[in-house]
Structures are given as structure tokens and as C-alpha cells.
N, C-alpha and C. Protein backbone atom coordinates (compact mmCIF):
# COMPACT_ATOMS: atom_id res chain seq x y z
N UNK A 1 124.69 87.95 38.76
CA UNK A 1 123.35 88.55 38.94
C UNK A 1 123.52 90.05 39.10
N UNK A 2 122.79 90.82 38.36
CA UNK A 2 122.90 92.29 38.42
C UNK A 2 122.10 92.83 39.58
N UNK A 3 122.61 93.88 40.21
CA UNK A 3 121.93 94.51 41.33
C UNK A 3 120.98 95.58 40.83
N UNK A 4 119.89 95.72 41.58
CA UNK A 4 118.89 96.74 41.23
C UNK A 4 119.41 98.11 41.62
N UNK A 5 119.48 99.01 40.66
CA UNK A 5 119.95 100.38 40.90
C UNK A 5 118.75 101.31 40.96
N UNK A 6 118.60 101.99 42.10
CA UNK A 6 117.47 102.91 42.28
C UNK A 6 117.94 104.33 42.04
N UNK A 7 117.18 105.12 41.29
CA UNK A 7 117.57 106.52 41.04
C UNK A 7 117.48 107.33 42.31
N UNK A 8 118.35 108.34 42.41
CA UNK A 8 118.35 109.22 43.57
C UNK A 8 117.22 110.24 43.45
N UNK A 9 116.51 110.42 44.57
CA UNK A 9 115.40 111.38 44.59
C UNK A 9 115.57 112.27 45.80
N UNK A 10 115.47 113.57 45.60
CA UNK A 10 115.58 114.54 46.70
C UNK A 10 114.39 114.36 47.64
N UNK A 11 114.69 114.30 48.97
CA UNK A 11 113.61 114.10 49.93
C UNK A 11 112.59 115.22 49.90
N UNK A 12 112.99 116.42 49.48
CA UNK A 12 112.05 117.55 49.42
C UNK A 12 111.01 117.35 48.35
N UNK A 13 111.32 116.47 47.34
CA UNK A 13 110.38 116.25 46.23
C UNK A 13 109.43 115.08 46.49
N UNK A 14 109.60 114.39 47.62
CA UNK A 14 108.78 113.21 47.87
C UNK A 14 107.30 113.56 48.00
N UNK A 15 107.00 114.74 48.57
CA UNK A 15 105.62 115.11 48.77
C UNK A 15 104.89 115.32 47.45
N UNK A 16 105.64 115.64 46.38
CA UNK A 16 105.02 115.93 45.09
C UNK A 16 104.89 114.69 44.21
N UNK A 17 105.32 113.54 44.72
CA UNK A 17 105.28 112.33 43.91
C UNK A 17 103.93 111.64 44.10
N UNK A 18 103.31 111.26 43.01
CA UNK A 18 102.04 110.53 43.07
C UNK A 18 102.35 109.05 43.24
N UNK A 19 101.92 108.42 44.35
CA UNK A 19 102.25 107.01 44.59
C UNK A 19 101.76 106.08 43.50
N UNK A 20 100.70 106.48 42.78
CA UNK A 20 100.16 105.59 41.75
C UNK A 20 101.12 105.37 40.60
N UNK A 21 102.06 106.32 40.38
CA UNK A 21 102.98 106.22 39.25
C UNK A 21 104.40 105.84 39.66
N UNK A 22 104.57 105.43 40.95
CA UNK A 22 105.90 105.02 41.42
C UNK A 22 106.15 103.57 41.05
N UNK A 23 107.39 103.24 40.67
CA UNK A 23 107.74 101.83 40.47
C UNK A 23 107.63 101.09 41.80
N UNK A 24 107.40 99.81 41.74
CA UNK A 24 107.22 98.99 42.94
C UNK A 24 108.39 99.09 43.91
N UNK A 25 109.67 99.05 43.46
CA UNK A 25 110.79 99.17 44.42
C UNK A 25 110.74 100.45 45.23
N UNK A 26 110.34 101.55 44.57
CA UNK A 26 110.28 102.81 45.32
C UNK A 26 109.17 102.79 46.35
N UNK A 27 108.05 102.17 46.04
CA UNK A 27 106.96 102.06 47.03
C UNK A 27 107.43 101.29 48.25
N UNK A 28 108.20 100.23 48.01
CA UNK A 28 108.72 99.43 49.13
C UNK A 28 109.65 100.26 49.99
N UNK A 29 110.54 101.05 49.35
CA UNK A 29 111.49 101.88 50.10
C UNK A 29 110.74 102.90 50.96
N UNK A 30 109.76 103.56 50.37
CA UNK A 30 109.02 104.60 51.10
C UNK A 30 108.26 104.01 52.27
N UNK A 31 107.61 102.85 52.03
CA UNK A 31 106.87 102.20 53.11
C UNK A 31 107.81 101.83 54.26
N UNK A 32 109.00 101.31 53.91
CA UNK A 32 109.96 100.94 54.95
C UNK A 32 110.44 102.16 55.73
N UNK A 33 110.64 103.28 55.05
CA UNK A 33 111.06 104.51 55.73
C UNK A 33 109.99 104.99 56.70
N UNK A 34 108.73 104.95 56.26
CA UNK A 34 107.63 105.39 57.13
C UNK A 34 107.51 104.48 58.35
N UNK A 35 107.60 103.17 58.12
CA UNK A 35 107.51 102.22 59.24
C UNK A 35 108.65 102.43 60.22
N UNK A 36 109.88 102.63 59.72
CA UNK A 36 111.03 102.84 60.58
C UNK A 36 110.88 104.11 61.40
N UNK A 37 110.42 105.20 60.76
CA UNK A 37 110.25 106.47 61.48
C UNK A 37 109.18 106.35 62.55
N UNK A 38 108.07 105.66 62.24
CA UNK A 38 106.99 105.48 63.22
C UNK A 38 107.47 104.64 64.38
N UNK A 39 108.20 103.57 64.09
CA UNK A 39 108.71 102.68 65.13
C UNK A 39 109.69 103.41 66.04
N UNK A 40 110.56 104.20 65.46
CA UNK A 40 111.54 104.94 66.25
C UNK A 40 110.87 105.96 67.15
N UNK A 41 109.85 106.67 66.60
CA UNK A 41 109.13 107.68 67.40
C UNK A 41 108.35 107.03 68.51
N UNK A 42 107.72 105.87 68.21
CA UNK A 42 106.96 105.15 69.22
C UNK A 42 107.85 104.68 70.35
N UNK A 43 109.04 104.15 69.99
CA UNK A 43 109.98 103.70 71.02
C UNK A 43 110.45 104.85 71.90
N UNK A 44 110.64 106.02 71.29
CA UNK A 44 111.08 107.19 72.05
C UNK A 44 110.00 107.61 73.04
N UNK A 45 108.73 107.60 72.58
CA UNK A 45 107.63 107.95 73.48
C UNK A 45 107.52 106.96 74.63
N UNK A 46 107.66 105.67 74.31
CA UNK A 46 107.58 104.65 75.35
C UNK A 46 108.70 104.82 76.37
N UNK A 47 109.90 105.17 75.89
CA UNK A 47 111.04 105.36 76.80
C UNK A 47 110.80 106.54 77.72
N UNK A 48 110.30 107.65 77.18
CA UNK A 48 110.01 108.83 78.00
C UNK A 48 108.94 108.51 79.03
N UNK A 49 107.87 107.81 78.59
CA UNK A 49 106.80 107.44 79.51
C UNK A 49 107.31 106.53 80.61
N UNK A 50 108.18 105.58 80.25
CA UNK A 50 108.75 104.67 81.26
C UNK A 50 109.62 105.42 82.25
N UNK A 51 110.42 106.37 81.77
CA UNK A 51 111.28 107.15 82.66
C UNK A 51 110.44 107.99 83.61
N UNK A 52 109.34 108.57 83.11
CA UNK A 52 108.47 109.37 83.97
C UNK A 52 107.82 108.50 85.03
N UNK A 53 107.39 107.29 84.63
CA UNK A 53 106.77 106.38 85.59
C UNK A 53 107.76 105.97 86.66
N UNK A 54 109.00 105.64 86.25
CA UNK A 54 110.02 105.24 87.22
C UNK A 54 110.34 106.39 88.17
N UNK A 55 110.32 107.63 87.67
CA UNK A 55 110.62 108.78 88.52
C UNK A 55 109.54 108.95 89.58
N UNK A 56 108.29 108.64 89.21
CA UNK A 56 107.20 108.77 90.17
C UNK A 56 107.21 107.63 91.18
N UNK A 57 107.60 106.43 90.73
CA UNK A 57 107.59 105.27 91.60
C UNK A 57 108.68 105.37 92.66
N UNK A 58 109.81 105.92 92.30
CA UNK A 58 110.93 106.00 93.24
C UNK A 58 110.70 107.15 94.21
N UNK A 59 110.66 106.89 95.52
CA UNK A 59 110.37 107.96 96.50
C UNK A 59 111.54 108.93 96.66
N UNK A 60 111.21 110.17 96.92
CA UNK A 60 112.21 111.19 97.19
C UNK A 60 112.86 110.97 98.55
N UNK A 61 112.07 110.50 99.51
CA UNK A 61 112.58 110.21 100.85
C UNK A 61 111.61 109.24 101.53
N UNK A 62 112.06 108.68 102.66
CA UNK A 62 111.18 107.79 103.40
C UNK A 62 111.55 107.82 104.88
N UNK A 63 110.55 107.46 105.70
CA UNK A 63 110.74 107.41 107.16
C UNK A 63 110.16 106.09 107.64
N UNK A 64 110.83 105.43 108.57
CA UNK A 64 110.35 104.15 109.08
C UNK A 64 109.95 104.27 110.55
N UNK A 65 109.06 103.36 110.96
CA UNK A 65 108.61 103.24 112.36
C UNK A 65 108.15 104.60 112.91
N UNK A 66 107.08 105.10 112.33
CA UNK A 66 106.59 106.44 112.67
C UNK A 66 105.43 106.35 113.67
N UNK A 67 105.49 107.17 114.69
CA UNK A 67 104.37 107.37 115.63
C UNK A 67 104.16 108.86 115.79
N UNK A 68 102.97 109.32 115.47
CA UNK A 68 102.67 110.74 115.51
C UNK A 68 101.44 110.98 116.39
N UNK A 69 101.55 111.95 117.28
CA UNK A 69 100.45 112.26 118.18
C UNK A 69 100.15 113.76 118.16
N UNK A 70 98.88 114.08 118.37
CA UNK A 70 98.48 115.48 118.53
C UNK A 70 97.57 115.59 119.75
N UNK A 71 97.81 116.63 120.54
CA UNK A 71 97.04 116.84 121.77
C UNK A 71 96.20 118.10 121.64
N UNK A 72 95.09 118.13 122.40
CA UNK A 72 94.25 119.33 122.39
C UNK A 72 94.77 120.34 123.40
N UNK A 73 94.04 121.46 123.55
CA UNK A 73 94.49 122.54 124.43
C UNK A 73 94.55 122.11 125.89
N UNK A 74 93.76 121.10 126.25
CA UNK A 74 93.75 120.62 127.64
C UNK A 74 94.81 119.57 127.90
N UNK A 75 95.56 119.21 126.89
CA UNK A 75 96.60 118.20 127.07
C UNK A 75 96.14 116.78 126.84
N UNK A 76 94.88 116.63 126.40
CA UNK A 76 94.36 115.29 126.09
C UNK A 76 94.71 114.93 124.65
N UNK A 77 94.92 113.65 124.42
CA UNK A 77 95.29 113.23 123.07
C UNK A 77 94.11 113.41 122.13
N UNK A 78 94.38 113.99 120.96
CA UNK A 78 93.36 114.26 119.95
C UNK A 78 93.33 113.12 118.93
N UNK A 79 94.51 112.71 118.49
CA UNK A 79 94.62 111.53 117.63
C UNK A 79 96.05 111.02 117.67
N UNK A 80 96.20 109.78 117.23
CA UNK A 80 97.51 109.16 117.12
C UNK A 80 97.56 108.36 115.83
N UNK A 81 98.71 108.38 115.15
CA UNK A 81 98.89 107.64 113.91
C UNK A 81 100.19 106.86 113.97
N UNK A 82 100.13 105.57 113.65
CA UNK A 82 101.31 104.71 113.59
C UNK A 82 101.42 104.08 112.20
N UNK A 83 102.63 103.99 111.70
CA UNK A 83 102.86 103.34 110.42
C UNK A 83 104.31 102.86 110.37
N UNK A 84 104.57 101.70 109.76
CA UNK A 84 105.95 101.23 109.66
C UNK A 84 106.76 101.97 108.59
N UNK A 85 106.06 102.64 107.64
CA UNK A 85 106.80 103.26 106.55
C UNK A 85 106.01 104.40 105.92
N UNK A 86 106.67 105.56 105.76
CA UNK A 86 106.12 106.68 104.99
C UNK A 86 107.08 106.96 103.84
N UNK A 87 106.55 106.98 102.63
CA UNK A 87 107.36 107.30 101.44
C UNK A 87 106.88 108.62 100.85
N UNK A 88 107.82 109.53 100.65
CA UNK A 88 107.51 110.85 100.12
C UNK A 88 107.88 110.91 98.63
N UNK A 89 106.90 111.30 97.79
CA UNK A 89 107.11 111.34 96.35
C UNK A 89 107.08 112.78 95.85
N UNK A 90 108.09 113.14 95.08
CA UNK A 90 108.19 114.47 94.47
C UNK A 90 107.99 114.32 92.96
N UNK A 91 106.90 114.85 92.46
CA UNK A 91 106.52 114.65 91.07
C UNK A 91 107.41 115.43 90.12
N UNK A 92 107.76 116.65 90.48
CA UNK A 92 108.57 117.50 89.62
C UNK A 92 110.00 117.58 90.16
N UNK A 93 110.83 118.35 89.46
CA UNK A 93 112.23 118.49 89.88
C UNK A 93 112.36 119.22 91.22
N UNK A 94 111.40 120.08 91.51
CA UNK A 94 111.40 120.82 92.77
C UNK A 94 110.07 120.58 93.48
N UNK A 95 110.01 120.80 94.80
CA UNK A 95 108.75 120.57 95.53
C UNK A 95 107.60 121.39 94.96
N UNK A 96 106.40 120.76 94.94
CA UNK A 96 105.22 121.42 94.41
C UNK A 96 103.98 120.88 95.11
N UNK A 97 102.82 121.46 94.80
CA UNK A 97 101.58 121.01 95.41
C UNK A 97 101.10 119.68 94.84
N UNK A 98 101.84 119.12 93.88
CA UNK A 98 101.51 117.81 93.32
C UNK A 98 102.19 116.67 94.08
N UNK A 99 103.08 117.00 95.01
CA UNK A 99 103.77 115.98 95.77
C UNK A 99 102.81 115.28 96.74
N UNK A 100 103.17 114.07 97.15
CA UNK A 100 102.30 113.32 98.05
C UNK A 100 103.12 112.32 98.85
N UNK A 101 102.50 111.79 99.90
CA UNK A 101 103.14 110.79 100.75
C UNK A 101 102.24 109.56 100.84
N UNK A 102 102.86 108.38 100.84
CA UNK A 102 102.14 107.12 101.00
C UNK A 102 102.50 106.49 102.34
N UNK A 103 101.48 106.02 103.05
CA UNK A 103 101.63 105.43 104.38
C UNK A 103 101.31 103.94 104.28
N UNK A 104 102.21 103.11 104.75
CA UNK A 104 102.01 101.66 104.68
C UNK A 104 101.28 101.18 105.92
N UNK A 105 100.20 100.44 105.74
CA UNK A 105 99.36 99.87 106.81
C UNK A 105 99.21 100.83 108.00
N UNK A 106 98.69 102.03 107.77
CA UNK A 106 98.57 102.98 108.88
C UNK A 106 97.49 102.56 109.88
N UNK A 107 97.69 102.94 111.14
CA UNK A 107 96.72 102.72 112.21
C UNK A 107 96.44 104.06 112.86
N UNK A 108 95.18 104.49 112.83
CA UNK A 108 94.79 105.76 113.41
C UNK A 108 93.94 105.51 114.67
N UNK A 109 94.21 106.29 115.71
CA UNK A 109 93.34 106.30 116.89
C UNK A 109 92.79 107.72 117.02
N UNK A 110 91.49 107.84 116.91
CA UNK A 110 90.83 109.15 116.99
C UNK A 110 90.06 109.21 118.30
N UNK A 111 90.43 110.16 119.17
CA UNK A 111 89.80 110.30 120.48
C UNK A 111 88.88 111.52 120.44
N UNK A 112 87.59 111.27 120.50
CA UNK A 112 86.62 112.37 120.44
C UNK A 112 86.36 112.97 121.81
N UNK A 113 86.51 112.16 122.85
CA UNK A 113 86.26 112.61 124.22
C UNK A 113 87.02 111.68 125.16
N UNK A 114 87.81 112.23 126.10
CA UNK A 114 88.57 111.36 127.01
C UNK A 114 87.69 110.40 127.81
N UNK A 115 86.40 110.74 127.96
CA UNK A 115 85.48 109.91 128.73
C UNK A 115 84.80 108.86 127.88
N UNK A 116 85.01 108.89 126.57
CA UNK A 116 84.36 107.92 125.67
C UNK A 116 85.42 107.15 124.89
N UNK A 117 85.08 105.94 124.46
CA UNK A 117 86.06 105.14 123.70
C UNK A 117 86.37 105.78 122.35
N UNK A 118 87.60 105.67 121.93
CA UNK A 118 88.00 106.24 120.65
C UNK A 118 87.75 105.29 119.49
N UNK A 119 88.00 105.78 118.29
CA UNK A 119 87.89 105.00 117.07
C UNK A 119 89.28 104.56 116.61
N UNK A 120 89.38 103.31 116.24
CA UNK A 120 90.60 102.79 115.62
C UNK A 120 90.32 102.54 114.15
N UNK A 121 91.12 103.12 113.28
CA UNK A 121 90.91 103.02 111.83
C UNK A 121 92.18 102.48 111.19
N UNK A 122 92.04 101.42 110.41
CA UNK A 122 93.19 100.80 109.76
C UNK A 122 92.91 100.62 108.27
N UNK A 123 93.98 100.50 107.50
CA UNK A 123 93.89 100.21 106.06
C UNK A 123 95.23 99.67 105.60
N UNK A 124 95.26 99.17 104.39
CA UNK A 124 96.52 98.68 103.83
C UNK A 124 97.42 99.82 103.36
N UNK A 125 96.79 100.91 102.91
CA UNK A 125 97.58 102.04 102.42
C UNK A 125 96.85 103.35 102.68
N UNK A 126 97.63 104.38 102.96
CA UNK A 126 97.08 105.72 103.12
C UNK A 126 97.87 106.71 102.29
N UNK A 127 97.20 107.73 101.84
CA UNK A 127 97.86 108.76 101.02
C UNK A 127 97.49 110.14 101.57
N UNK A 128 98.48 111.02 101.60
CA UNK A 128 98.27 112.40 102.02
C UNK A 128 98.92 113.31 101.00
N UNK A 129 98.10 114.12 100.31
CA UNK A 129 98.62 115.07 99.33
C UNK A 129 99.16 116.31 100.03
N UNK A 130 100.09 116.99 99.38
CA UNK A 130 100.66 118.21 99.95
C UNK A 130 99.58 119.26 100.16
N UNK A 131 99.65 119.96 101.29
CA UNK A 131 98.70 121.03 101.63
C UNK A 131 97.28 120.52 101.76
N UNK A 132 97.10 119.24 102.09
CA UNK A 132 95.77 118.66 102.26
C UNK A 132 95.65 118.16 103.69
N UNK A 133 94.44 118.27 104.25
CA UNK A 133 94.20 117.78 105.61
C UNK A 133 93.45 116.45 105.60
N UNK A 134 93.19 115.92 104.40
CA UNK A 134 92.44 114.67 104.27
C UNK A 134 93.37 113.53 103.88
N UNK A 135 93.34 112.46 104.67
CA UNK A 135 93.98 111.21 104.30
C UNK A 135 93.03 110.43 103.38
N UNK A 136 93.57 109.80 102.37
CA UNK A 136 92.81 108.87 101.55
C UNK A 136 93.27 107.46 101.89
N UNK A 137 92.38 106.68 102.50
CA UNK A 137 92.71 105.32 102.92
C UNK A 137 92.10 104.34 101.93
N UNK A 138 92.89 103.35 101.51
CA UNK A 138 92.43 102.38 100.54
C UNK A 138 92.82 100.97 100.96
N UNK A 139 92.08 99.99 100.42
CA UNK A 139 92.33 98.57 100.62
C UNK A 139 92.04 98.12 102.06
N UNK A 140 90.93 97.43 102.21
CA UNK A 140 90.55 96.83 103.49
C UNK A 140 90.50 97.87 104.62
N UNK A 141 89.72 98.91 104.40
CA UNK A 141 89.58 99.96 105.42
C UNK A 141 88.60 99.48 106.49
N UNK A 142 89.02 99.59 107.73
CA UNK A 142 88.19 99.14 108.84
C UNK A 142 88.24 100.17 109.97
N UNK A 143 87.06 100.63 110.40
CA UNK A 143 86.93 101.53 111.55
C UNK A 143 86.23 100.77 112.67
N UNK A 144 86.80 100.84 113.87
CA UNK A 144 86.29 100.02 114.97
C UNK A 144 86.22 100.84 116.26
N UNK A 145 85.09 100.69 116.97
CA UNK A 145 84.92 101.32 118.28
C UNK A 145 84.31 100.29 119.23
N UNK A 146 84.85 100.21 120.44
CA UNK A 146 84.36 99.24 121.42
C UNK A 146 83.97 99.97 122.71
N UNK A 147 82.76 99.71 123.18
CA UNK A 147 82.30 100.29 124.44
C UNK A 147 81.64 99.21 125.29
N UNK A 148 81.55 99.48 126.59
CA UNK A 148 80.97 98.49 127.50
C UNK A 148 79.48 98.30 127.23
N UNK A 149 78.76 99.36 126.88
CA UNK A 149 77.31 99.26 126.67
C UNK A 149 76.96 98.74 125.29
N UNK A 150 77.61 99.27 124.24
CA UNK A 150 77.24 98.93 122.87
C UNK A 150 78.03 97.75 122.31
N UNK A 151 79.07 97.34 123.00
CA UNK A 151 79.92 96.30 122.45
C UNK A 151 80.79 96.86 121.33
N UNK A 152 81.14 96.04 120.38
CA UNK A 152 82.01 96.48 119.28
C UNK A 152 81.18 96.85 118.05
N UNK A 153 81.49 98.00 117.50
CA UNK A 153 80.89 98.46 116.24
C UNK A 153 82.00 98.59 115.21
N UNK A 154 81.80 97.99 114.03
CA UNK A 154 82.81 98.06 112.98
C UNK A 154 82.18 98.60 111.70
N UNK A 155 82.98 99.36 110.94
CA UNK A 155 82.58 99.88 109.64
C UNK A 155 83.68 99.50 108.66
N UNK A 156 83.32 98.79 107.60
CA UNK A 156 84.31 98.38 106.61
C UNK A 156 83.93 98.92 105.23
N UNK A 157 84.94 99.30 104.47
CA UNK A 157 84.76 99.81 103.11
C UNK A 157 86.08 99.68 102.37
N UNK A 158 86.08 100.01 101.10
CA UNK A 158 87.30 99.88 100.30
C UNK A 158 88.05 101.20 100.16
N UNK A 159 87.40 102.30 100.51
CA UNK A 159 88.01 103.62 100.28
C UNK A 159 87.39 104.61 101.27
N UNK A 160 88.23 105.35 101.98
CA UNK A 160 87.72 106.27 102.99
C UNK A 160 88.58 107.53 103.04
N UNK A 161 87.92 108.67 103.10
CA UNK A 161 88.60 109.94 103.28
C UNK A 161 88.48 110.33 104.75
N UNK A 162 89.63 110.66 105.38
CA UNK A 162 89.66 110.89 106.82
C UNK A 162 90.32 112.23 107.13
N UNK A 163 89.60 113.07 107.87
CA UNK A 163 90.12 114.35 108.34
C UNK A 163 90.35 114.24 109.84
N UNK A 164 91.62 114.18 110.25
CA UNK A 164 91.93 113.99 111.66
C UNK A 164 91.69 115.25 112.48
N UNK A 165 91.86 116.41 111.88
CA UNK A 165 91.66 117.66 112.61
C UNK A 165 90.20 117.82 113.02
N UNK A 166 89.30 117.59 112.06
CA UNK A 166 87.86 117.74 112.33
C UNK A 166 87.22 116.45 112.79
N UNK A 167 87.99 115.34 112.81
CA UNK A 167 87.48 114.03 113.22
C UNK A 167 86.24 113.67 112.40
N UNK A 168 86.43 113.71 111.09
CA UNK A 168 85.34 113.47 110.16
C UNK A 168 85.82 112.49 109.09
N UNK A 169 84.92 111.59 108.66
CA UNK A 169 85.26 110.60 107.64
C UNK A 169 84.10 110.49 106.64
N UNK A 170 84.44 110.19 105.40
CA UNK A 170 83.40 110.05 104.38
C UNK A 170 83.87 109.14 103.26
N UNK A 171 82.89 108.55 102.55
CA UNK A 171 83.18 107.71 101.41
C UNK A 171 81.94 107.64 100.54
N UNK A 172 82.15 107.37 99.24
CA UNK A 172 81.02 107.12 98.34
C UNK A 172 80.99 105.66 97.90
N UNK A 173 81.83 104.84 98.53
CA UNK A 173 81.88 103.42 98.21
C UNK A 173 80.90 102.63 99.07
N UNK A 174 80.79 101.34 98.77
CA UNK A 174 79.93 100.46 99.55
C UNK A 174 80.45 100.35 100.98
N UNK A 175 79.51 100.36 101.94
CA UNK A 175 79.86 100.36 103.36
C UNK A 175 79.09 99.24 104.05
N UNK A 176 79.75 98.56 104.97
CA UNK A 176 79.09 97.56 105.82
C UNK A 176 79.34 97.92 107.27
N UNK A 177 78.24 98.10 108.02
CA UNK A 177 78.34 98.43 109.45
C UNK A 177 77.80 97.26 110.26
N UNK A 178 78.60 96.80 111.21
CA UNK A 178 78.20 95.66 112.03
C UNK A 178 78.23 96.06 113.50
N UNK A 179 77.20 95.67 114.21
CA UNK A 179 77.13 95.85 115.66
C UNK A 179 76.86 94.49 116.28
N UNK A 180 76.46 94.47 117.56
CA UNK A 180 76.33 93.21 118.29
C UNK A 180 75.45 92.19 117.56
N UNK A 181 74.23 92.57 117.19
CA UNK A 181 73.31 91.63 116.54
C UNK A 181 72.70 92.21 115.27
N UNK A 182 73.36 93.17 114.68
CA UNK A 182 72.80 93.79 113.48
C UNK A 182 73.89 94.03 112.44
N UNK A 183 73.44 94.12 111.20
CA UNK A 183 74.34 94.45 110.11
C UNK A 183 73.61 95.35 109.13
N UNK A 184 74.26 96.43 108.72
CA UNK A 184 73.67 97.39 107.80
C UNK A 184 74.63 97.61 106.65
N UNK A 185 74.12 97.56 105.42
CA UNK A 185 74.91 97.87 104.24
C UNK A 185 74.34 99.12 103.58
N UNK A 186 75.20 99.88 102.92
CA UNK A 186 74.77 101.11 102.27
C UNK A 186 75.79 101.51 101.21
N UNK A 187 75.38 102.47 100.41
CA UNK A 187 76.29 103.05 99.42
C UNK A 187 76.61 104.48 99.86
N UNK A 188 77.83 104.68 100.34
CA UNK A 188 78.24 106.01 100.79
C UNK A 188 77.95 106.25 102.26
N UNK A 189 78.82 107.05 102.90
CA UNK A 189 78.66 107.33 104.33
C UNK A 189 79.37 108.63 104.68
N UNK A 190 78.82 109.32 105.66
CA UNK A 190 79.49 110.46 106.29
C UNK A 190 79.45 110.22 107.79
N UNK A 191 80.61 110.34 108.43
CA UNK A 191 80.70 110.05 109.87
C UNK A 191 81.35 111.24 110.59
N UNK A 192 80.58 111.86 111.46
CA UNK A 192 81.08 112.93 112.32
C UNK A 192 81.40 112.29 113.66
N UNK A 193 82.64 111.86 113.83
CA UNK A 193 83.02 111.13 115.03
C UNK A 193 82.97 112.00 116.27
N UNK A 194 83.23 113.29 116.11
CA UNK A 194 83.21 114.20 117.25
C UNK A 194 81.82 114.29 117.87
N UNK A 195 80.80 114.30 117.01
CA UNK A 195 79.41 114.38 117.48
C UNK A 195 78.72 113.03 117.50
N UNK A 196 79.46 111.97 117.19
CA UNK A 196 78.95 110.60 117.20
C UNK A 196 77.73 110.47 116.29
N UNK A 197 77.84 110.98 115.08
CA UNK A 197 76.76 110.89 114.10
C UNK A 197 77.28 110.20 112.84
N UNK A 198 76.55 109.20 112.40
CA UNK A 198 76.89 108.47 111.18
C UNK A 198 75.70 108.53 110.24
N UNK A 199 75.91 109.02 109.04
CA UNK A 199 74.86 109.14 108.04
C UNK A 199 75.18 108.20 106.87
N UNK A 200 74.26 107.26 106.62
CA UNK A 200 74.37 106.37 105.47
C UNK A 200 73.59 106.99 104.32
N UNK A 201 74.21 107.07 103.14
CA UNK A 201 73.67 107.95 102.10
C UNK A 201 72.59 107.32 101.23
N UNK A 202 72.75 106.09 100.77
CA UNK A 202 71.75 105.51 99.86
C UNK A 202 71.80 103.99 99.91
N UNK A 203 70.74 103.37 99.37
CA UNK A 203 70.62 101.90 99.28
C UNK A 203 70.88 101.23 100.63
N UNK A 204 70.26 101.78 101.66
CA UNK A 204 70.49 101.27 103.02
C UNK A 204 69.64 100.02 103.24
N UNK A 205 70.31 98.93 103.66
CA UNK A 205 69.63 97.68 103.97
C UNK A 205 70.20 97.13 105.27
N UNK A 206 69.31 96.58 106.12
CA UNK A 206 69.78 96.10 107.40
C UNK A 206 69.13 94.81 107.83
N UNK A 207 69.83 94.07 108.67
CA UNK A 207 69.29 92.86 109.28
C UNK A 207 69.55 92.95 110.78
N UNK A 208 68.60 92.37 111.55
CA UNK A 208 68.72 92.41 113.00
C UNK A 208 68.37 91.04 113.55
N UNK A 209 69.20 90.55 114.45
CA UNK A 209 68.97 89.27 115.09
C UNK A 209 68.62 89.51 116.56
N UNK A 210 67.36 89.40 116.93
CA UNK A 210 66.97 89.69 118.32
C UNK A 210 67.51 88.62 119.27
N UNK A 211 67.53 88.97 120.54
CA UNK A 211 67.98 88.03 121.56
C UNK A 211 67.01 86.87 121.69
N UNK A 212 67.49 85.66 121.90
CA UNK A 212 66.60 84.49 122.04
C UNK A 212 65.81 84.56 123.34
């Protein structure tokens, strides 16, 4: 059986060839070359993307069993934060303002006044960007305050921004507020814990169960 012999063609002349007048074997060769080049380039892009993702996933450093406290000028506790794990991520080769830290199941205690009960705020994960004073709390966020007169008040949402310095919290997600015999739902909230003011932004609906 005789083998098919293909004529040699300079790659620089390929652009000037009209595909309509090419023999079928040459069309097959060109198609295979294009497919191979596309596949190789695609694999290279995927490899680079995977390496970048792995670089971001792997933390630059980490700290375990963390307890952090800050006191005011009078020596009273301003806030406290506990977490079993903090992972520090460095996005670039050197430190930059794109770096961030992730906090595992953080617990915050915010004390607005030594004479009043503080707020306890928990979530599954917290994030703090470099040079930022706002924590971003996600997954099962719960804020809770208990007093002798009002009983327990809880606020739950899926995403909350928390400023510990100003003792301020806000979200644009759905919020559910529960007290002794009432429940209020809303879309979005701003909470000034220092002044004990909570503003529900829109779609506010509430139910109240009076005493028997």
C-alpha cells in the first residue's frame, strides 16, 4: 500500500492560501494544527488560573486560639474578639492593600456602656481587609443582647458589616429581629450600638403576641 505524500508548504504562505482550493488532506492537516494550538493554549490558561487560585487559597500565615481585647481611656473594656483560627492571605508576591485575613467562627463582645449589657455577635466566618476597620461577617450571623427588663433580643442575617471602633453594624440583606413576644423582618439594617439605635431600612413587617 502506498503512503500519501504531502507537499511541503512554508508556514508563512499559509495565510495566502484559499481554503476552497486546498486538497482534502491539507484541510485535515490545517484543522488539526488549529485544534492542537487552541487546546494547548487553553490548557496553559487553565494551568495559570489554577496556580493563581491555589496561591490565593494557601494562607501566608495563621494564628490559632486568638483572644483580642481593647479598652477605653477609663480602662473599661470596649470590645473583645475570640476565634480559634485566623488565616492571613497575601495576594501578591509582597504585602499590599489587597491582602486580607479570614476569621473562623469569630465571637465578638461589644460593650457600649459598663452599666448596660453588651452585644454578642457570632458568625461562621469573618473577613478583615488590610487597612480596613470593617469586619465582613458571613454565614449564620447572629447578634444577641440580654437584659433584665427587655429579656433577650436577637438579630439574624446572612451578611453583616461590623465596625468595632465606632460600634456600628449594617447590612443590606434580609434581617430578622426577635424579642420576647415579637418578631420583625426587614430588608437592610443600620445599628448604632453605642446610641442603642436600630434602623430597619425597607419592607418592614412585624408580628406581636400580647400577654394572655
